[in-house]
Amino acid sequence: MELQHMFLTGTQLYEEAYSHYTSQGLRQLYVLVFGLDVIGNPYGLFVGFTQGVGAFFYEPFHVCLR
């Protein structure tokens, strides 16, 4: 965090720093949890799960019709 040419009271400086570091912490948490390197592609995981559940119910029904 870098502030230039700002005249702030101690309380205002604290609020600016708290806001900045809180938002940065949340961004880093998002990157850690939803990053592609950690758990893979979350969208691909969801699509694969959905297709698997669909196949689980469709395949037995399809075999019974033969």
PDB file of N, CA and C in Angstrom:
ATOM      1  N   MET A   1       0.852  -1.168   0.000  1.00  0.00           N
ATOM      2  CA  MET A   1       0.000   0.000   0.000  1.00  0.00           C
ATOM      3  C   MET A   1       0.888   1.218   0.000  1.00  0.00           C
ATOM      4  N   GLU A   2       0.601   2.134  -0.884  1.00  0.00           N
ATOM      5  CA  GLU A   2       1.394   3.351  -0.975  1.00  0.00           C
ATOM      6  C   GLU A   2       0.457   4.534  -1.156  1.00  0.00           C
ATOM      7  N   LEU A   3       0.570   5.500  -0.291  1.00  0.00           N
ATOM      8  CA  LEU A   3      -0.205   6.731  -0.388  1.00  0.00           C
ATOM      9  C   LEU A   3       0.774   7.887  -0.589  1.00  0.00           C
ATOM     10  N   GLN A   4       0.495   8.728  -1.565  1.00  0.00           N
ATOM     11  CA  GLN A   4       1.357   9.869  -1.818  1.00  0.00           C
ATOM     12  C   GLN A   4       0.544  11.151  -1.721  1.00  0.00           C
ATOM     13  N   HIS A   5       1.135  12.129  -1.079  1.00  0.00           N
ATOM     14  CA  HIS A   5       0.532  13.468  -0.965  1.00  0.00           C
ATOM     15  C   HIS A   5      -0.863  13.420  -0.343  1.00  0.00           C
ATOM     16  N   MET A   6      -0.997  12.618   0.693  1.00  0.00           N
ATOM     17  CA  MET A   6      -2.276  12.497   1.391  1.00  0.00           C
ATOM     18  C   MET A   6      -2.108  13.051   2.803  1.00  0.00           C
ATOM     19  N   PHE A   7      -3.053  13.848   3.224  1.00  0.00           N
ATOM     20  CA  PHE A   7      -3.069  14.367   4.587  1.00  0.00           C
ATOM     21  C   PHE A   7      -4.248  13.719   5.298  1.00  0.00           C
ATOM     22  N   LEU A   8      -3.944  12.782   6.190  1.00  0.00           N
ATOM     23  CA  LEU A   8      -4.982  12.029   6.869  1.00  0.00           C
ATOM     24  C   LEU A   8      -4.746  12.074   8.374  1.00  0.00           C
ATOM     25  N   THR A   9      -5.830  11.953   9.097  1.00  0.00           N
ATOM     26  CA  THR A   9      -5.701  11.797  10.538  1.00  0.00           C
ATOM     27  C   THR A   9      -5.291  10.354  10.814  1.00  0.00           C
ATOM     28  N   GLY A  10      -4.947  10.061  12.044  1.00  0.00           N
ATOM     29  CA  GLY A  10      -4.572   8.698  12.402  1.00  0.00           C
ATOM     30  C   GLY A  10      -5.703   7.710  12.169  1.00  0.00           C
ATOM     31  N   THR A  11      -6.918   8.137  12.479  1.00  0.00           N
ATOM     32  CA  THR A  11      -8.084   7.271  12.282  1.00  0.00           C
ATOM     33  C   THR A  11      -8.330   7.010  10.802  1.00  0.00           C
ATOM     34  N   GLN A  12      -8.219   8.037   9.987  1.00  0.00           N
ATOM     35  CA  GLN A  12      -8.419   7.875   8.552  1.00  0.00           C
ATOM     36  C   GLN A  12      -7.345   6.969   7.941  1.00  0.00           C
ATOM     37  N   LEU A  13      -6.102   7.134   8.391  1.00  0.00           N
ATOM     38  CA  LEU A  13      -5.018   6.294   7.905  1.00  0.00           C
ATOM     39  C   LEU A  13      -5.258   4.834   8.280  1.00  0.00           C
ATOM     40  N   TYR A  14      -5.689   4.625   9.524  1.00  0.00           N
ATOM     41  CA  TYR A  14      -6.004   3.262   9.971  1.00  0.00           C
ATOM     42  C   TYR A  14      -7.109   2.665   9.116  1.00  0.00           C
ATOM     43  N   GLU A  15      -8.180   3.418   8.842  1.00  0.00           N
ATOM     44  CA  GLU A  15      -9.296   2.915   8.039  1.00  0.00           C
ATOM     45  C   GLU A  15      -8.861   2.601   6.611  1.00  0.00           C
ATOM     46  N   GLU A  16      -8.017   3.456   6.033  1.00  0.00           N
ATOM     47  CA  GLU A  16      -7.510   3.202   4.679  1.00  0.00           C
ATOM     48  C   GLU A  16      -6.666   1.926   4.641  1.00  0.00           C
ATOM     49  N   ALA A  17      -5.770   1.774   5.604  1.00  0.00           N
ATOM     50  CA  ALA A  17      -4.906   0.598   5.649  1.00  0.00           C
ATOM     51  C   ALA A  17      -5.725  -0.664   5.905  1.00  0.00           C
ATOM     52  N   TYR A  18      -6.662  -0.601   6.827  1.00  0.00           N
ATOM     53  CA  TYR A  18      -7.509  -1.752   7.140  1.00  0.00           C
ATOM     54  C   TYR A  18      -8.314  -2.170   5.911  1.00  0.00           C
ATOM     55  N   SER A  19      -8.903  -1.211   5.228  1.00  0.00           N
ATOM     56  CA  SER A  19      -9.688  -1.497   4.033  1.00  0.00           C
ATOM     57  C   SER A  19      -8.814  -2.131   2.947  1.00  0.00           C
ATOM     58  N   HIS A  20      -7.644  -1.569   2.740  1.00  0.00           N
ATOM     59  CA  HIS A  20      -6.747  -2.078   1.699  1.00  0.00           C
ATOM     60  C   HIS A  20      -6.316  -3.508   1.991  1.00  0.00           C
ATOM     61  N   TYR A  21      -5.825  -3.749   3.200  1.00  0.00           N
ATOM     62  CA  TYR A  21      -5.307  -5.078   3.514  1.00  0.00           C
ATOM     63  C   TYR A  21      -6.415  -6.125   3.650  1.00  0.00           C
ATOM     64  N   THR A  22      -7.603  -5.728   4.042  1.00  0.00           N
ATOM     65  CA  THR A  22      -8.733  -6.656   4.082  1.00  0.00           C
ATOM     66  C   THR A  22      -9.117  -7.083   2.675  1.00  0.00           C
ATOM     67  N   SER A  23      -9.214  -6.126   1.754  1.00  0.00           N
ATOM     68  CA  SER A  23      -9.574  -6.473   0.377  1.00  0.00           C
ATOM     69  C   SER A  23      -8.484  -7.315  -0.276  1.00  0.00           C
ATOM     70  N   GLN A  24      -7.220  -7.022  -0.002  1.00  0.00           N
ATOM     71  CA  GLN A  24      -6.130  -7.822  -0.559  1.00  0.00           C
ATOM     72  C   GLN A  24      -6.142  -9.241   0.007  1.00  0.00           C
ATOM     73  N   GLY A  25      -6.445  -9.374   1.282  1.00  0.00           N
ATOM     74  CA  GLY A  25      -6.537 -10.696   1.889  1.00  0.00           C
ATOM     75  C   GLY A  25      -7.645 -11.523   1.272  1.00  0.00           C
ATOM     76  N   LEU A  26      -8.793 -10.906   1.028  1.00  0.00           N
ATOM     77  CA  LEU A  26      -9.909 -11.611   0.395  1.00  0.00           C
ATOM     78  C   LEU A  26      -9.564 -12.014  -1.036  1.00  0.00           C
ATOM     79  N   ARG A  27      -8.867 -11.143  -1.758  1.00  0.00           N
ATOM     80  CA  ARG A  27      -8.461 -11.483  -3.118  1.00  0.00           C
ATOM     81  C   ARG A  27      -7.506 -12.676  -3.114  1.00  0.00           C
ATOM     82  N   GLN A  28      -6.569 -12.688  -2.196  1.00  0.00           N
ATOM     83  CA  GLN A  28      -5.629 -13.797  -2.137  1.00  0.00           C
ATOM     84  C   GLN A  28      -6.321 -15.094  -1.724  1.00  0.00           C
ATOM     85  N   LEU A  29      -7.299 -14.997  -0.840  1.00  0.00           N
ATOM     86  CA  LEU A  29      -8.074 -16.175  -0.461  1.00  0.00           C
ATOM     87  C   LEU A  29      -8.841 -16.713  -1.662  1.00  0.00           C
ATOM     88  N   TYR A  30      -9.419 -15.820  -2.449  1.00  0.00           N
ATOM     89  CA  TYR A  30     -10.125 -16.228  -3.664  1.00  0.00           C
ATOM     90  C   TYR A  30      -9.178 -16.947  -4.616  1.00  0.00           C
ATOM     91  N   VAL A  31      -7.988 -16.390  -4.809  1.00  0.00           N
ATOM     92  CA  VAL A  31      -7.011 -17.011  -5.700  1.00  0.00           C
ATOM     93  C   VAL A  31      -6.614 -18.386  -5.174  1.00  0.00           C
ATOM     94  N   LEU A  32      -6.440 -18.500  -3.878  1.00  0.00           N
ATOM     95  CA  LEU A  32      -6.039 -19.770  -3.286  1.00  0.00           C
ATOM     96  C   LEU A  32      -7.125 -20.830  -3.430  1.00  0.00           C
ATOM     97  N   VAL A  33      -8.363 -20.472  -3.135  1.00  0.00           N
ATOM     98  CA  VAL A  33      -9.462 -21.437  -3.147  1.00  0.00           C
ATOM     99  C   VAL A  33      -9.916 -21.762  -4.568  1.00  0.00           C
ATOM    100  N   PHE A  34     -10.070 -20.758  -5.404  1.00  0.00           N
ATOM    101  CA  PHE A  34     -10.629 -20.976  -6.737  1.00  0.00           C
ATOM    102  C   PHE A  34      -9.579 -20.984  -7.841  1.00  0.00           C
ATOM    103  N   GLY A  35      -8.315 -20.952  -7.472  1.00  0.00           N
ATOM    104  CA  GLY A  35      -7.253 -20.957  -8.472  1.00  0.00           C
ATOM    105  C   GLY A  35      -7.201 -22.273  -9.219  1.00  0.00           C
ATOM    106  N   LEU A  36      -6.813 -22.207 -10.450  1.00  0.00           N
ATOM    107  CA  LEU A  36      -6.757 -23.403 -11.280  1.00  0.00           C
ATOM    108  C   LEU A  36      -5.652 -24.350 -10.829  1.00  0.00           C
ATOM    109  N   ASP A  37      -4.627 -23.826 -10.166  1.00  0.00           N
ATOM    110  CA  ASP A  37      -3.522 -24.673  -9.739  1.00  0.00           C
ATOM    111  C   ASP A  37      -3.866 -25.476  -8.491  1.00  0.00           C
ATOM    112  N   VAL A  38      -4.860 -25.054  -7.720  1.00  0.00           N
ATOM    113  CA  VAL A  38      -5.159 -25.706  -6.448  1.00  0.00           C
ATOM    114  C   VAL A  38      -6.143 -26.850  -6.622  1.00  0.00           C
ATOM    115  N   ILE A  39      -7.314 -26.589  -7.197  1.00  0.00           N
ATOM    116  CA  ILE A  39      -8.344 -27.625  -7.310  1.00  0.00           C
ATOM    117  C   ILE A  39      -8.733 -27.899  -8.752  1.00  0.00           C
ATOM    118  N   GLY A  40      -7.990 -27.388  -9.696  1.00  0.00           N
ATOM    119  CA  GLY A  40      -8.343 -27.585 -11.090  1.00  0.00           C
ATOM    120  C   GLY A  40      -9.389 -26.570 -11.520  1.00  0.00           C
ATOM    121  N   ASN A  41     -10.039 -26.848 -12.586  1.00  0.00           N
ATOM    122  CA  ASN A  41     -11.029 -25.945 -13.138  1.00  0.00           C
ATOM    123  C   ASN A  41     -12.374 -26.177 -12.440  1.00  0.00           C
ATOM    124  N   PRO A  42     -12.844 -25.238 -11.614  1.00  0.00           N
ATOM    125  CA  PRO A  42     -14.118 -25.449 -10.899  1.00  0.00           C
ATOM    126  C   PRO A  42     -15.305 -25.633 -11.847  1.00  0.00           C
ATOM    127  N   TYR A  43     -15.309 -24.922 -12.955  1.00  0.00           N
ATOM    128  CA  TYR A  43     -16.399 -25.071 -13.914  1.00  0.00           C
ATOM    129  C   TYR A  43     -16.370 -26.470 -14.532  1.00  0.00           C
ATOM    130  N   GLY A  44     -15.189 -26.934 -14.899  1.00  0.00           N
ATOM    131  CA  GLY A  44     -15.053 -28.275 -15.459  1.00  0.00           C
ATOM    132  C   GLY A  44     -15.452 -29.341 -14.455  1.00  0.00           C
ATOM    133  N   LEU A  45     -15.132 -29.125 -13.189  1.00  0.00           N
ATOM    134  CA  LEU A  45     -15.535 -30.057 -12.140  1.00  0.00           C
ATOM    135  C   LEU A  45     -17.048 -30.133 -12.044  1.00  0.00           C
ATOM    136  N   PHE A  46     -17.712 -28.992 -12.081  1.00  0.00           N
ATOM    137  CA  PHE A  46     -19.168 -28.946 -12.009  1.00  0.00           C
ATOM    138  C   PHE A  46     -19.796 -29.624 -13.222  1.00  0.00           C
ATOM    139  N   VAL A  47     -19.289 -29.332 -14.414  1.00  0.00           N
ATOM    140  CA  VAL A  47     -19.844 -29.926 -15.641  1.00  0.00           C
ATOM    141  C   VAL A  47     -19.637 -31.433 -15.627  1.00  0.00           C
ATOM    142  N   GLY A  48     -18.457 -31.895 -15.231  1.00  0.00           N
ATOM    143  CA  GLY A  48     -18.200 -33.324 -15.167  1.00  0.00           C
ATOM    144  C   GLY A  48     -19.099 -34.029 -14.179  1.00  0.00           C
ATOM    145  N   PHE A  49     -19.318 -33.410 -13.024  1.00  0.00           N
ATOM    146  CA  PHE A  49     -20.210 -33.974 -12.015  1.00  0.00           C
ATOM    147  C   PHE A  49     -21.638 -34.060 -12.548  1.00  0.00           C
ATOM    148  N   THR A  50     -22.094 -33.016 -13.209  1.00  0.00           N
ATOM    149  CA  THR A  50     -23.450 -32.989 -13.772  1.00  0.00           C
ATOM    150  C   THR A  50     -23.619 -34.071 -14.826  1.00  0.00           C
ATOM    151  N   GLN A  51     -22.629 -34.214 -15.684  1.00  0.00           N
ATOM    152  CA  GLN A  51     -22.712 -35.253 -16.714  1.00  0.00           C
ATOM    153  C   GLN A  51     -22.691 -36.646 -16.089  1.00  0.00           C
ATOM    154  N   GLY A  52     -21.906 -36.824 -15.046  1.00  0.00           N
ATOM    155  CA  GLY A  52     -21.850 -38.118 -14.371  1.00  0.00           C
ATOM    156  C   GLY A  52     -23.172 -38.488 -13.733  1.00  0.00           C
ATOM    157  N   VAL A  53     -23.817 -37.530 -13.092  1.00  0.00           N
ATOM    158  CA  VAL A  53     -25.117 -37.788 -12.474  1.00  0.00           C
ATOM    159  C   VAL A  53     -26.155 -38.100 -13.555  1.00  0.00           C
ATOM    160  N   GLY A  54     -26.112 -37.361 -14.664  1.00  0.00           N
ATOM    161  CA  GLY A  54     -27.039 -37.634 -15.760  1.00  0.00           C
ATOM    162  C   GLY A  54     -26.845 -39.018 -16.327  1.00  0.00           C
ATOM    163  N   ALA A  55     -25.593 -39.423 -16.519  1.00  0.00           N
ATOM    164  CA  ALA A  55     -25.309 -40.759 -17.039  1.00  0.00           C
ATOM    165  C   ALA A  55     -25.733 -41.838 -16.055  1.00  0.00           C
ATOM    166  N   PHE A  56     -25.618 -41.572 -14.771  1.00  0.00           N
ATOM    167  CA  PHE A  56     -26.002 -42.527 -13.744  1.00  0.00           C
ATOM    168  C   PHE A  56     -27.488 -42.885 -13.854  1.00  0.00           C
ATOM    169  N   PHE A  57     -28.322 -41.904 -14.173  1.00  0.00           N
ATOM    170  CA  PHE A  57     -29.751 -42.159 -14.296  1.00  0.00           C
ATOM    171  C   PHE A  57     -30.154 -42.554 -15.716  1.00  0.00           C
ATOM    172  N   TYR A  58     -29.449 -42.063 -16.726  1.00  0.00           N
ATOM    173  CA  TYR A  58     -29.822 -42.329 -18.114  1.00  0.00           C
ATOM    174  C   TYR A  58     -29.409 -43.724 -18.556  1.00  0.00           C
ATOM    175  N   GLU A  59     -28.203 -44.150 -18.229  1.00  0.00           N
ATOM    176  CA  GLU A  59     -27.691 -45.433 -18.714  1.00  0.00           C
ATOM    177  C   GLU A  59     -28.545 -46.622 -18.266  1.00  0.00           C
ATOM    178  N   PRO A  60     -28.912 -46.766 -17.004  1.00  0.00           N
ATOM    179  CA  PRO A  60     -29.767 -47.911 -16.637  1.00  0.00           C
ATOM    180  C   PRO A  60     -31.121 -47.891 -17.358  1.00  0.00           C
ATOM    181  N   PHE A  61     -31.680 -46.716 -17.545  1.00  0.00           N
ATOM    182  CA  PHE A  61     -32.947 -46.594 -18.261  1.00  0.00           C
ATOM    183  C   PHE A  61     -32.776 -46.985 -19.713  1.00  0.00           C
ATOM    184  N   HIS A  62     -31.685 -46.580 -20.310  1.00  0.00           N
ATOM    185  CA  HIS A  62     -31.402 -46.887 -21.713  1.00  0.00           C
ATOM    186  C   HIS A  62     -31.185 -48.388 -21.914  1.00  0.00           C
ATOM    187  N   VAL A  63     -30.528 -49.066 -20.960  1.00  0.00           N
ATOM    188  CA  VAL A  63     -30.276 -50.501 -21.049  1.00  0.00           C
ATOM    189  C   VAL A  63     -31.586 -51.273 -20.901  1.00  0.00           C
ATOM    190  N   CYS A  64     -32.495 -50.809 -20.073  1.00  0.00           N
ATOM    191  CA  CYS A  64     -33.767 -51.499 -19.863  1.00  0.00           C
ATOM    192  C   CYS A  64     -34.653 -51.464 -21.105  1.00  0.00           C
ATOM    193  N   LEU A  65     -34.499 -50.468 -21.950  1.00  0.00           N
ATOM    194  CA  LEU A  65     -35.318 -50.348 -23.140  1.00  0.00           C
ATOM    195  C   LEU A  65     -34.876 -51.264 -24.262  1.00  0.00           C
ATOM    196  N   ARG A  66     -33.704 -51.835 -24.180  1.00  0.00           N
ATOM    197  CA  ARG A  66     -33.207 -52.711 -25.258  1.00  0.00           C
ATOM    198  C   ARG A  66     -33.878 -54.023 -25.259  1.00  0.00           C
TER     199      ARG A  66
END
